[in-house]
Amino acid sequence: MTRLAAGLSWVDLRFLGRAHAIATAVISGGGEVGLVDPGPTPCLETLELGLQALGLRLADVTHVLLTHIHLDHAAATGTIVRQHPRVKVLVHARGAPHVVDPAKLLASATRLYGSRMDELWGEVVPVPAGNVVALEGGERVAVGGRTFEVAYTPGHAVHHVSYFDASSGVAFVGDTAGIQIDGGYLLPPTPPPDIDLDAWRQSAARIEAWGPQPLFLTHFGPAAGSVRAHLQTLLEHLDTCARFVRASLGEPGSDEERASWFAEQVRREFRRTMSEGQLASYGLAAPFELLWLGLARYWRKRGV
C-alpha cells in the first residue's frame, strides 16, 4: 500500500533499480500537487509512472517540499522546475542559495562520489530564485488543500526541516528519524559535513512533540509502531555509531582503513537480523564509509 491518508501517498523511486531505497511523498488536493523530496534526476521517469498510477502527472505538480538539499532527496528539483516553471520550491533558508546555485553543493558531492555523480544523481539544474520559498522553521504552509507545520530539524544537516500535517498525523521527516527499510535496523545517516549530535537530539524531541503517527522516512516509507520508541532507538544507535567512530580515531592506520573497519562493523550488525537484499538497499541509501566520515568530522571539530 502506498496510501497514507486521503490525498497523501508515496512513490518508490526504485533508485538504481532497487526497491525500497528512496521514497517521494505525494500530496494532492485543492487543485494542487506537492512532492516531498523528489529524489535524484535519473528517477524522474519512475516518479512520473508512480504519479500516473495515482491519477496524476508531473505537469500537475505545484510545489516541491524539500526536507534538505542532499542530492538523494533534491537533485531532480531544478529539472522539474525547468519543465514546469510554475512550481514553488520550499526549502530551509540555509539550503536555498545552493538550490539557486548548486555549484558548491556539486563540488562537495563530487569529492564524495567522484565519477559516479552522473549515474547516481544525474543533472542538477539551478532553480530560479523566484521559485524558491525560504523557510526558517515555525511556519505554516498550505499545500494540496492541507496546512503543514514546519520545524527546523538539524543534526543530519544544517538545512534540514520537517513537515507535519496535523489533520492526518503524518510527519515528513526526511533523514532526521533515520533510515529503516522493511522493518530492519534503524540506522542514523551521518554523512559529512553537518553532523551535530546535540542538535539531532533536540530535533528528535521537536518531532516527538508533534505527536505524529506515522513518521514518513525518505528511506523508506511510513515507520510502524511507537514514535517515541522509534526516536529513542534512533538516538541510541546514533550514540553507538558515534562511540565506534570516536574509538577508531585513536587507532593506527589511515582514514580509509578506519572507515572500512566501521563499515564492516555495520554490515556485521545488519547481517544478524537482515537479508542481503535489505543490506544492499541500506548501502544505496547511506553508503557506510560515508557515515564514518561525517562522525569523524564531528569529533575532529571537537578536538578528538
C-alpha atoms as a PDB file:
ATOM      1  CA  MET A   1       0.000   0.000   0.000  1.00  0.00           C
ATOM      2  CA  THR A   2       1.283   3.458  -0.867  1.00  0.00           C
ATOM      3  CA  ARG A   3      -1.622   5.440   0.614  1.00  0.00           C
ATOM      4  CA  LEU A   4      -1.001   7.284   3.873  1.00  0.00           C
ATOM      5  CA  ALA A   5      -4.346   9.094   4.069  1.00  0.00           C
ATOM      6  CA  ALA A   6      -6.816  10.675   1.681  1.00  0.00           C
ATOM      7  CA  GLY A   7      -4.695  12.832  -0.617  1.00  0.00           C
ATOM      8  CA  LEU A   8      -1.384  11.566   0.833  1.00  0.00           C
ATOM      9  CA  SER A   9       0.532   8.795  -0.950  1.00  0.00           C
ATOM     10  CA  TRP A  10       4.071   7.867  -1.834  1.00  0.00           C
ATOM     11  CA  VAL A  11       6.095   6.515  -4.741  1.00  0.00           C
ATOM     12  CA  ASP A  12       9.050   4.116  -4.617  1.00  0.00           C
ATOM     13  CA  LEU A  13      11.671   5.689  -6.900  1.00  0.00           C
ATOM     14  CA  ARG A  14      13.476   2.336  -7.368  1.00  0.00           C
ATOM     15  CA  PHE A  15      16.841   4.056  -7.097  1.00  0.00           C
ATOM     16  CA  LEU A  16      19.426   2.294  -9.289  1.00  0.00           C
ATOM     17  CA  GLY A  17      16.786  -0.333  -9.997  1.00  0.00           C
ATOM     18  CA  ARG A  18      16.405  -1.404  -6.359  1.00  0.00           C
ATOM     19  CA  ALA A  19      13.155  -1.225  -4.425  1.00  0.00           C
ATOM     20  CA  HIS A  20      12.847   0.460  -1.041  1.00  0.00           C
ATOM     21  CA  ALA A  21      15.786   2.862  -1.124  1.00  0.00           C
ATOM     22  CA  ILE A  22      14.176   6.291  -1.775  1.00  0.00           C
ATOM     23  CA  ALA A  23      10.531   7.322  -1.455  1.00  0.00           C
ATOM     24  CA  THR A  24       8.813  10.503  -2.615  1.00  0.00           C
ATOM     25  CA  ALA A  25       5.668  11.546  -0.776  1.00  0.00           C
ATOM     26  CA  VAL A  26       2.789  12.943  -2.843  1.00  0.00           C
ATOM     27  CA  ILE A  27       0.261  15.487  -1.565  1.00  0.00           C
ATOM     28  CA  SER A  28      -2.832  16.119  -3.694  1.00  0.00           C
ATOM     29  CA  GLY A  29      -5.962  18.145  -3.181  1.00  0.00           C
ATOM     30  CA  GLY A  30      -7.486  21.539  -3.723  1.00  0.00           C
ATOM     31  CA  GLY A  31      -6.184  21.638  -7.302  1.00  0.00           C
ATOM     32  CA  GLU A  32      -2.570  21.345  -6.125  1.00  0.00           C
ATOM     33  CA  VAL A  33       0.042  18.585  -6.032  1.00  0.00           C
ATOM     34  CA  GLY A  34       3.089  18.636  -3.793  1.00  0.00           C
ATOM     35  CA  LEU A  35       6.117  16.354  -3.771  1.00  0.00           C
ATOM     36  CA  VAL A  36       8.173  15.838  -0.627  1.00  0.00           C
ATOM     37  CA  ASP A  37      11.780  15.079  -1.673  1.00  0.00           C
ATOM     38  CA  PRO A  38      11.527  14.275  -5.410  1.00  0.00           C
ATOM     39  CA  GLY A  39      14.831  12.378  -5.374  1.00  0.00           C
ATOM     40  CA  PRO A  40      17.579  12.089  -7.984  1.00  0.00           C
ATOM     41  CA  THR A  41      17.089  13.135 -11.598  1.00  0.00           C
ATOM     42  CA  PRO A  42      17.583   9.602 -13.051  1.00  0.00           C
ATOM     43  CA  CYS A  43      14.471   8.550 -11.083  1.00  0.00           C
ATOM     44  CA  LEU A  44      12.146  11.103 -12.725  1.00  0.00           C
ATOM     45  CA  GLU A  45      10.688   8.581 -15.157  1.00  0.00           C
ATOM     46  CA  THR A  46       9.836   6.252 -12.272  1.00  0.00           C
ATOM     47  CA  LEU A  47       8.331   9.173 -10.374  1.00  0.00           C
ATOM     48  CA  GLU A  48       6.187  10.044 -13.379  1.00  0.00           C
ATOM     49  CA  LEU A  49       4.936   6.457 -13.628  1.00  0.00           C
ATOM     50  CA  GLY A  50       4.134   6.464  -9.922  1.00  0.00           C
ATOM     51  CA  LEU A  51       2.176   9.673 -10.272  1.00  0.00           C
ATOM     52  CA  GLN A  52       0.253   8.207 -13.208  1.00  0.00           C
ATOM     53  CA  ALA A  53      -0.721   5.255 -11.006  1.00  0.00           C
ATOM     54  CA  LEU A  54      -2.233   7.821  -8.645  1.00  0.00           C
ATOM     55  CA  GLY A  55      -4.102   9.506 -11.490  1.00  0.00           C
ATOM     56  CA  LEU A  56      -1.644  12.426 -11.610  1.00  0.00           C
ATOM     57  CA  ARG A  57       1.112  13.772 -13.868  1.00  0.00           C
ATOM     58  CA  LEU A  58       4.363  15.580 -13.235  1.00  0.00           C
ATOM     59  CA  ALA A  59       2.742  18.533 -15.029  1.00  0.00           C
ATOM     60  CA  ASP A  60       0.206  18.701 -12.176  1.00  0.00           C
ATOM     61  CA  VAL A  61       2.882  19.412  -9.567  1.00  0.00           C
ATOM     62  CA  THR A  62       2.629  22.857  -7.983  1.00  0.00           C
ATOM     63  CA  HIS A  63       5.018  22.509  -5.025  1.00  0.00           C
ATOM     64  CA  VAL A  64       8.212  20.681  -4.120  1.00  0.00           C
ATOM     65  CA  LEU A  65       8.820  20.432  -0.381  1.00  0.00           C
ATOM     66  CA  LEU A  66      12.456  19.660   0.393  1.00  0.00           C
ATOM     67  CA  THR A  67      13.402  18.323   3.789  1.00  0.00           C
ATOM     68  CA  HIS A  68      17.006  19.158   2.856  1.00  0.00           C
ATOM     69  CA  ILE A  69      19.180  19.593  -0.215  1.00  0.00           C
ATOM     70  CA  HIS A  70      21.238  16.382  -0.248  1.00  0.00           C
ATOM     71  CA  LEU A  71      21.167  15.029  -3.779  1.00  0.00           C
ATOM     72  CA  ASP A  72      19.345  11.783  -2.975  1.00  0.00           C
ATOM     73  CA  HIS A  73      16.454  13.969  -1.802  1.00  0.00           C
ATOM     74  CA  ALA A  74      16.622  17.017  -4.049  1.00  0.00           C
ATOM     75  CA  ALA A  75      18.686  16.552  -7.230  1.00  0.00           C
ATOM     76  CA  ALA A  76      15.649  16.407  -9.548  1.00  0.00           C
ATOM     77  CA  THR A  77      14.150  19.652  -8.241  1.00  0.00           C
ATOM     78  CA  GLY A  78      15.631  22.008 -10.840  1.00  0.00           C
ATOM     79  CA  THR A  79      14.729  19.722 -13.718  1.00  0.00           C
ATOM     80  CA  ILE A  80      11.114  19.625 -12.521  1.00  0.00           C
ATOM     81  CA  VAL A  81      11.003  23.426 -12.306  1.00  0.00           C
ATOM     82  CA  ARG A  82      12.617  23.818 -15.724  1.00  0.00           C
ATOM     83  CA  GLN A  83       9.919  21.616 -17.244  1.00  0.00           C
ATOM     84  CA  HIS A  84       7.093  23.174 -15.195  1.00  0.00           C
ATOM     85  CA  PRO A  85       8.037  26.767 -14.312  1.00  0.00           C
ATOM     86  CA  ARG A  86       5.076  27.429 -12.011  1.00  0.00           C
ATOM     87  CA  VAL A  87       6.388  25.005  -9.351  1.00  0.00           C
ATOM     88  CA  LYS A  88       7.301  26.546  -5.991  1.00  0.00           C
ATOM     89  CA  VAL A  89      10.203  25.011  -4.037  1.00  0.00           C
ATOM     90  CA  LEU A  90      10.061  25.083  -0.245  1.00  0.00           C
ATOM     91  CA  VAL A  91      13.487  24.710   1.391  1.00  0.00           C
ATOM     92  CA  HIS A  92      15.289  25.886   4.512  1.00  0.00           C
ATOM     93  CA  ALA A  93      16.934  29.288   4.168  1.00  0.00           C
ATOM     94  CA  ARG A  94      20.421  27.782   4.629  1.00  0.00           C
ATOM     95  CA  GLY A  95      19.807  25.421   1.717  1.00  0.00           C
ATOM     96  CA  ALA A  96      18.051  27.903  -0.563  1.00  0.00           C
ATOM     97  CA  PRO A  97      21.229  29.538  -2.009  1.00  0.00           C
ATOM     98  CA  HIS A  98      22.521  26.107  -3.013  1.00  0.00           C
ATOM     99  CA  VAL A  99      19.271  25.280  -4.796  1.00  0.00           C
ATOM    100  CA  VAL A 100      19.584  28.524  -6.772  1.00  0.00           C
ATOM    101  CA  ASP A 101      23.310  27.979  -7.455  1.00  0.00           C
ATOM    102  CA  PRO A 102      24.291  24.337  -6.837  1.00  0.00           C
ATOM    103  CA  ALA A 103      27.987  24.749  -7.751  1.00  0.00           C
ATOM    104  CA  LYS A 104      29.313  24.392  -4.187  1.00  0.00           C
ATOM    105  CA  LEU A 105      26.919  21.553  -3.428  1.00  0.00           C
ATOM    106  CA  LEU A 106      28.064  19.683  -6.515  1.00  0.00           C
ATOM    107  CA  ALA A 107      31.736  20.286  -5.749  1.00  0.00           C
ATOM    108  CA  SER A 108      31.254  18.879  -2.249  1.00  0.00           C
ATOM    109  CA  ALA A 109      29.315  15.860  -3.513  1.00  0.00           C
ATOM    110  CA  THR A 110      31.907  15.184  -6.208  1.00  0.00           C
ATOM    111  CA  ARG A 111      34.582  14.837  -3.527  1.00  0.00           C
ATOM    112  CA  LEU A 112      32.499  12.032  -2.036  1.00  0.00           C
ATOM    113  CA  TYR A 113      31.122  10.289  -5.142  1.00  0.00           C
ATOM    114  CA  GLY A 114      33.691  11.072  -7.840  1.00  0.00           C
ATOM    115  CA  SER A 115      32.970   9.553 -11.227  1.00  0.00           C
ATOM    116  CA  ARG A 116      29.605   8.168 -10.076  1.00  0.00           C
ATOM    117  CA  MET A 117      27.959  11.596  -9.809  1.00  0.00           C
ATOM    118  CA  ASP A 118      26.016  11.375 -13.076  1.00  0.00           C
ATOM    119  CA  GLU A 119      24.980   7.753 -12.548  1.00  0.00           C
ATOM    120  CA  LEU A 120      23.706   8.460  -9.041  1.00  0.00           C
ATOM    121  CA  TRP A 121      22.198  11.929  -9.240  1.00  0.00           C
ATOM    122  CA  GLY A 122      22.017  12.962 -12.899  1.00  0.00           C
ATOM    123  CA  GLU A 123      21.758  16.572 -14.000  1.00  0.00           C
ATOM    124  CA  VAL A 124      21.338  19.107 -11.183  1.00  0.00           C
ATOM    125  CA  VAL A 125      19.656  22.195 -12.626  1.00  0.00           C
ATOM    126  CA  PRO A 126      19.591  25.558 -10.794  1.00  0.00           C
ATOM    127  CA  VAL A 127      16.174  26.701  -9.560  1.00  0.00           C
ATOM    128  CA  PRO A 128      15.284  30.334 -10.339  1.00  0.00           C
ATOM    129  CA  ALA A 129      15.267  32.415  -7.151  1.00  0.00           C
ATOM    130  CA  GLY A 130      11.688  33.476  -7.848  1.00  0.00           C
ATOM    131  CA  ASN A 131      10.529  29.877  -7.473  1.00  0.00           C
ATOM    132  CA  VAL A 132      12.120  29.415  -4.048  1.00  0.00           C
ATOM    133  CA  VAL A 133      10.278  29.822  -0.749  1.00  0.00           C
ATOM    134  CA  ALA A 134      12.878  30.029   2.034  1.00  0.00           C
ATOM    135  CA  LEU A 135      11.877  28.558   5.403  1.00  0.00           C
ATOM    136  CA  GLU A 136      13.293  29.078   8.876  1.00  0.00           C
ATOM    137  CA  GLY A 137      11.068  26.723  10.855  1.00  0.00           C
ATOM    138  CA  GLY A 138       7.903  27.696  12.686  1.00  0.00           C
ATOM    139  CA  GLU A 139       5.928  28.467   9.527  1.00  0.00           C
ATOM    140  CA  ARG A 140       2.579  27.026   8.490  1.00  0.00           C
ATOM    141  CA  VAL A 141       2.424  26.352   4.758  1.00  0.00           C
ATOM    142  CA  ALA A 142      -0.612  25.454   2.648  1.00  0.00           C
ATOM    143  CA  VAL A 143      -0.091  22.777   0.007  1.00  0.00           C
ATOM    144  CA  GLY A 144      -2.583  20.412  -1.606  1.00  0.00           C
ATOM    145  CA  GLY A 145      -5.519  21.510   0.482  1.00  0.00           C
ATOM    146  CA  ARG A 146      -3.617  20.931   3.747  1.00  0.00           C
ATOM    147  CA  THR A 147      -1.708  23.099   6.176  1.00  0.00           C
ATOM    148  CA  PHE A 148       1.716  21.818   7.209  1.00  0.00           C
ATOM    149  CA  GLU A 149       3.649  22.910  10.259  1.00  0.00           C
ATOM    150  CA  VAL A 150       7.350  23.387   9.532  1.00  0.00           C
ATOM    151  CA  ALA A 151      10.064  22.641  12.104  1.00  0.00           C
ATOM    152  CA  TYR A 152      13.778  23.256  11.818  1.00  0.00           C
ATOM    153  CA  THR A 153      15.324  19.809  12.466  1.00  0.00           C
ATOM    154  CA  PRO A 154      19.131  19.894  12.070  1.00  0.00           C
ATOM    155  CA  GLY A 155      21.565  17.239  13.250  1.00  0.00           C
ATOM    156  CA  HIS A 156      21.804  15.309   9.992  1.00  0.00           C
ATOM    157  CA  ALA A 157      22.117  18.566   8.011  1.00  0.00           C
ATOM    158  CA  VAL A 158      22.099  22.252   8.988  1.00  0.00           C
ATOM    159  CA  HIS A 159      19.494  22.899   6.271  1.00  0.00           C
ATOM    160  CA  HIS A 160      17.003  20.221   7.366  1.00  0.00           C
ATOM    161  CA  VAL A 161      13.313  20.872   8.017  1.00  0.00           C
ATOM    162  CA  SER A 162      10.401  18.541   8.702  1.00  0.00           C
ATOM    163  CA  TYR A 163       6.730  18.946   7.808  1.00  0.00           C
ATOM    164  CA  PHE A 164       3.736  17.897   9.920  1.00  0.00           C
ATOM    165  CA  ASP A 165       0.133  17.533   8.761  1.00  0.00           C
ATOM    166  CA  ALA A 166      -1.987  17.559  11.918  1.00  0.00           C
ATOM    167  CA  SER A 167      -5.121  16.514  10.021  1.00  0.00           C
ATOM    168  CA  SER A 168      -3.633  13.119   9.116  1.00  0.00           C
ATOM    169  CA  GLY A 169      -0.970  12.854  11.812  1.00  0.00           C
ATOM    170  CA  VAL A 170       1.792  12.269   9.250  1.00  0.00           C
ATOM    171  CA  ALA A 171       5.197  13.894   9.789  1.00  0.00           C
ATOM    172  CA  PHE A 172       7.548  14.004   6.807  1.00  0.00           C
ATOM    173  CA  VAL A 173      10.936  13.883   8.486  1.00  0.00           C
ATOM    174  CA  GLY A 174      13.495  13.287   5.731  1.00  0.00           C
ATOM    175  CA  ASP A 175      16.575  11.769   7.388  1.00  0.00           C
ATOM    176  CA  THR A 176      16.118  13.148  10.907  1.00  0.00           C
ATOM    177  CA  ALA A 177      14.279   9.994  12.044  1.00  0.00           C
ATOM    178  CA  GLY A 178      16.808   7.712  10.363  1.00  0.00           C
ATOM    179  CA  ILE A 179      16.754   5.007   7.734  1.00  0.00           C
ATOM    180  CA  GLN A 180      14.635   1.901   8.223  1.00  0.00           C
ATOM    181  CA  ILE A 181      13.966  -0.424   5.300  1.00  0.00           C
ATOM    182  CA  ASP A 182      11.382  -3.204   5.548  1.00  0.00           C
ATOM    183  CA  GLY A 183      11.390  -3.057   9.337  1.00  0.00           C
ATOM    184  CA  GLY A 184      15.164  -3.547   9.546  1.00  0.00           C
ATOM    185  CA  TYR A 185      17.847  -1.858  11.616  1.00  0.00           C
ATOM    186  CA  LEU A 186      17.160   1.806  12.403  1.00  0.00           C
ATOM    187  CA  LEU A 187      20.262   3.491  11.009  1.00  0.00           C
ATOM    188  CA  PRO A 188      21.229   7.132  11.678  1.00  0.00           C
ATOM    189  CA  PRO A 189      22.604   8.549   8.408  1.00  0.00           C
ATOM    190  CA  THR A 190      25.737  10.531   9.268  1.00  0.00           C
ATOM    191  CA  PRO A 191      27.448  11.759   6.074  1.00  0.00           C
ATOM    192  CA  PRO A 192      29.643  14.868   6.140  1.00  0.00           C
ATOM    193  CA  PRO A 193      29.709  17.782   6.652  1.00  0.00           C
ATOM    194  CA  ASP A 194      26.979  18.814   9.118  1.00  0.00           C
ATOM    195  CA  ILE A 195      26.550  16.072  11.737  1.00  0.00           C
ATOM    196  CA  ASP A 196      25.723  17.503  15.157  1.00  0.00           C
ATOM    197  CA  LEU A 197      24.703  15.046  17.880  1.00  0.00           C
ATOM    198  CA  ASP A 198      23.238  17.611  20.277  1.00  0.00           C
ATOM    199  CA  ALA A 199      21.200  19.289  17.529  1.00  0.00           C
ATOM    200  CA  TRP A 200      19.942  15.871  16.406  1.00  0.00           C
ATOM    201  CA  ARG A 201      18.664  15.079  19.896  1.00  0.00           C
ATOM    202  CA  GLN A 202      16.844  18.399  20.029  1.00  0.00           C
ATOM    203  CA  SER A 203      15.319  17.771  16.593  1.00  0.00           C
ATOM    204  CA  ALA A 204      14.069  14.341  17.661  1.00  0.00           C
ATOM    205  CA  ALA A 205      12.372  15.951  20.665  1.00  0.00           C
ATOM    206  CA  ARG A 206      10.827  18.595  18.402  1.00  0.00           C
ATOM    207  CA  ILE A 207       9.355  15.909  16.139  1.00  0.00           C
ATOM    208  CA  GLU A 208       8.091  13.841  19.077  1.00  0.00           C
ATOM    209  CA  ALA A 209       6.344  16.916  20.481  1.00  0.00           C
ATOM    210  CA  TRP A 210       4.118  16.982  17.403  1.00  0.00           C
ATOM    211  CA  GLY A 211       2.654  13.631  18.439  1.00  0.00           C
ATOM    212  CA  PRO A 212       2.800  12.290  14.876  1.00  0.00           C
ATOM    213  CA  GLN A 213       1.610   8.908  13.673  1.00  0.00           C
ATOM    214  CA  PRO A 214       3.232   7.800  11.478  1.00  0.00           C
ATOM    215  CA  LEU A 215       6.644   9.196  10.699  1.00  0.00           C
ATOM    216  CA  PHE A 216       7.360   9.170   6.970  1.00  0.00           C
ATOM    217  CA  LEU A 217      11.012   8.405   6.161  1.00  0.00           C
ATOM    218  CA  THR A 218      12.523   9.184   2.779  1.00  0.00           C
ATOM    219  CA  HIS A 219      14.476   5.950   3.354  1.00  0.00           C
ATOM    220  CA  PHE A 220      11.968   4.279   3.470  1.00  0.00           C
ATOM    221  CA  GLY A 221       8.275   4.986   3.818  1.00  0.00           C
ATOM    222  CA  PRO A 222       5.947   5.058   6.857  1.00  0.00           C
ATOM    223  CA  ALA A 223       7.518   3.809  10.081  1.00  0.00           C
ATOM    224  CA  ALA A 224       5.355   1.423  12.059  1.00  0.00           C
ATOM    225  CA  GLY A 225       4.975   1.400  15.825  1.00  0.00           C
ATOM    226  CA  SER A 226       5.534   3.910  18.596  1.00  0.00           C
ATOM    227  CA  VAL A 227       7.120   7.194  17.511  1.00  0.00           C
ATOM    228  CA  ARG A 228       8.723   7.656  20.928  1.00  0.00           C
ATOM    229  CA  ALA A 229      10.293   4.186  20.813  1.00  0.00           C
ATOM    230  CA  HIS A 230      11.447   4.795  17.235  1.00  0.00           C
ATOM    231  CA  LEU A 231      13.200   8.050  18.113  1.00  0.00           C
ATOM    232  CA  GLN A 232      14.711   6.635  21.307  1.00  0.00           C
ATOM    233  CA  THR A 233      16.135   3.709  19.355  1.00  0.00           C
ATOM    234  CA  LEU A 234      17.483   6.054  16.686  1.00  0.00           C
ATOM    235  CA  LEU A 235      19.340   8.140  19.270  1.00  0.00           C
ATOM    236  CA  GLU A 236      20.724   5.026  20.953  1.00  0.00           C
ATOM    237  CA  HIS A 237      22.054   3.817  17.600  1.00  0.00           C
ATOM    238  CA  LEU A 238      23.439   7.288  16.870  1.00  0.00           C
ATOM    239  CA  ASP A 239      25.362   7.216  20.150  1.00  0.00           C
ATOM    240  CA  THR A 240      26.650   3.718  19.398  1.00  0.00           C
ATOM    241  CA  CYS A 241      27.910   4.701  15.953  1.00  0.00           C
ATOM    242  CA  ALA A 242      29.474   7.856  17.366  1.00  0.00           C
ATOM    243  CA  ARG A 243      31.356   5.830  20.017  1.00  0.00           C
ATOM    244  CA  PHE A 244      32.637   3.412  17.369  1.00  0.00           C
ATOM    245  CA  VAL A 245      33.950   6.251  15.234  1.00  0.00           C
ATOM    246  CA  ARG A 246      35.497   8.083  18.184  1.00  0.00           C
ATOM    247  CA  ALA A 247      37.287   4.897  19.214  1.00  0.00           C
ATOM    248  CA  SER A 248      38.546   4.353  15.665  1.00  0.00           C
ATOM    249  CA  LEU A 249      40.196   7.773  15.638  1.00  0.00           C
ATOM    250  CA  GLY A 250      42.546   6.626  18.380  1.00  0.00           C
ATOM    251  CA  GLU A 251      43.688   3.579  16.431  1.00  0.00           C
ATOM    252  CA  PRO A 252      46.627   3.434  13.994  1.00  0.00           C
ATOM    253  CA  GLY A 253      46.006   3.368  10.256  1.00  0.00           C
ATOM    254  CA  SER A 254      44.583   5.633   7.563  1.00  0.00           C
ATOM    255  CA  ASP A 255      41.145   7.164   7.475  1.00  0.00           C
ATOM    256  CA  GLU A 256      40.291   4.822   4.628  1.00  0.00           C
ATOM    257  CA  GLU A 257      41.149   1.846   6.835  1.00  0.00           C
ATOM    258  CA  ARG A 258      39.158   3.251   9.755  1.00  0.00           C
ATOM    259  CA  ALA A 259      36.130   3.881   7.536  1.00  0.00           C
ATOM    260  CA  SER A 260      36.385   0.383   6.080  1.00  0.00           C
ATOM    261  CA  TRP A 261      36.557  -1.128   9.576  1.00  0.00           C
ATOM    262  CA  PHE A 262      33.490   0.852  10.653  1.00  0.00           C
ATOM    263  CA  ALA A 263      31.561  -0.175   7.541  1.00  0.00           C
ATOM    264  CA  GLU A 264      32.317  -3.820   8.223  1.00  0.00           C
ATOM    265  CA  GLN A 265      31.058  -3.487  11.810  1.00  0.00           C
ATOM    266  CA  VAL A 266      27.800  -2.043  10.470  1.00  0.00           C
ATOM    267  CA  ARG A 267      27.431  -4.850   7.912  1.00  0.00           C
ATOM    268  CA  ARG A 268      28.120  -7.467  10.572  1.00  0.00           C
ATOM    269  CA  GLU A 269      25.459  -5.987  12.834  1.00  0.00           C
ATOM    270  CA  PHE A 270      22.957  -5.880   9.976  1.00  0.00           C
ATOM    271  CA  ARG A 271      23.577  -9.491   8.969  1.00  0.00           C
ATOM    272  CA  ARG A 272      22.406 -10.648  12.385  1.00  0.00           C
ATOM    273  CA  THR A 273      18.797  -9.788  11.551  1.00  0.00           C
ATOM    274  CA  MET A 274      18.522  -8.784   7.883  1.00  0.00           C
ATOM    275  CA  SER A 275      18.789 -10.284   4.425  1.00  0.00           C
ATOM    276  CA  GLU A 276      21.481  -9.361   1.907  1.00  0.00           C
ATOM    277  CA  GLY A 277      18.781  -7.632  -0.149  1.00  0.00           C
ATOM    278  CA  GLN A 278      17.915  -5.341   2.751  1.00  0.00           C
ATOM    279  CA  LEU A 279      21.596  -4.715   3.376  1.00  0.00           C
ATOM    280  CA  ALA A 280      22.090  -3.667  -0.248  1.00  0.00           C
ATOM    281  CA  SER A 281      19.192  -1.192  -0.028  1.00  0.00           C
ATOM    282  CA  TYR A 282      20.710   0.361   3.085  1.00  0.00           C
ATOM    283  CA  GLY A 283      24.036   0.662   1.293  1.00  0.00           C
ATOM    284  CA  LEU A 284      22.365   2.605  -1.512  1.00  0.00           C
ATOM    285  CA  ALA A 285      20.503   4.896   0.875  1.00  0.00           C
ATOM    286  CA  ALA A 286      23.569   5.562   3.057  1.00  0.00           C
ATOM    287  CA  PRO A 287      26.994   4.233   1.962  1.00  0.00           C
ATOM    288  CA  PHE A 288      28.536   3.055   5.212  1.00  0.00           C
ATOM    289  CA  GLU A 289      32.005   4.536   4.704  1.00  0.00           C
ATOM    290  CA  LEU A 290      30.396   7.976   4.357  1.00  0.00           C
ATOM    291  CA  LEU A 291      28.724   7.529   7.747  1.00  0.00           C
ATOM    292  CA  TRP A 292      32.183   7.223   9.310  1.00  0.00           C
ATOM    293  CA  LEU A 293      33.332  10.388   7.533  1.00  0.00           C
ATOM    294  CA  GLY A 294      30.512  12.503   8.943  1.00  0.00           C
ATOM    295  CA  LEU A 295      31.043  11.361  12.525  1.00  0.00           C
ATOM    296  CA  ALA A 296      34.822  11.607  12.225  1.00  0.00           C
ATOM    297  CA  ARG A 297      34.461  15.216  11.114  1.00  0.00           C
ATOM    298  CA  TYR A 298      32.127  15.865  14.058  1.00  0.00           C
ATOM    299  CA  TRP A 299      34.657  14.515  16.563  1.00  0.00           C
ATOM    300  CA  ARG A 300      37.653  16.211  14.999  1.00  0.00           C
ATOM    301  CA  LYS A 301      35.909  19.589  15.122  1.00  0.00           C
ATOM    302  CA  ARG A 302      35.753  18.951  18.870  1.00  0.00           C
ATOM    303  CA  GLY A 303      39.421  18.146  19.165  1.00  0.00           C
ATOM    304  CA  VAL A 304      39.233  14.353  19.326  1.00  0.00           C
END
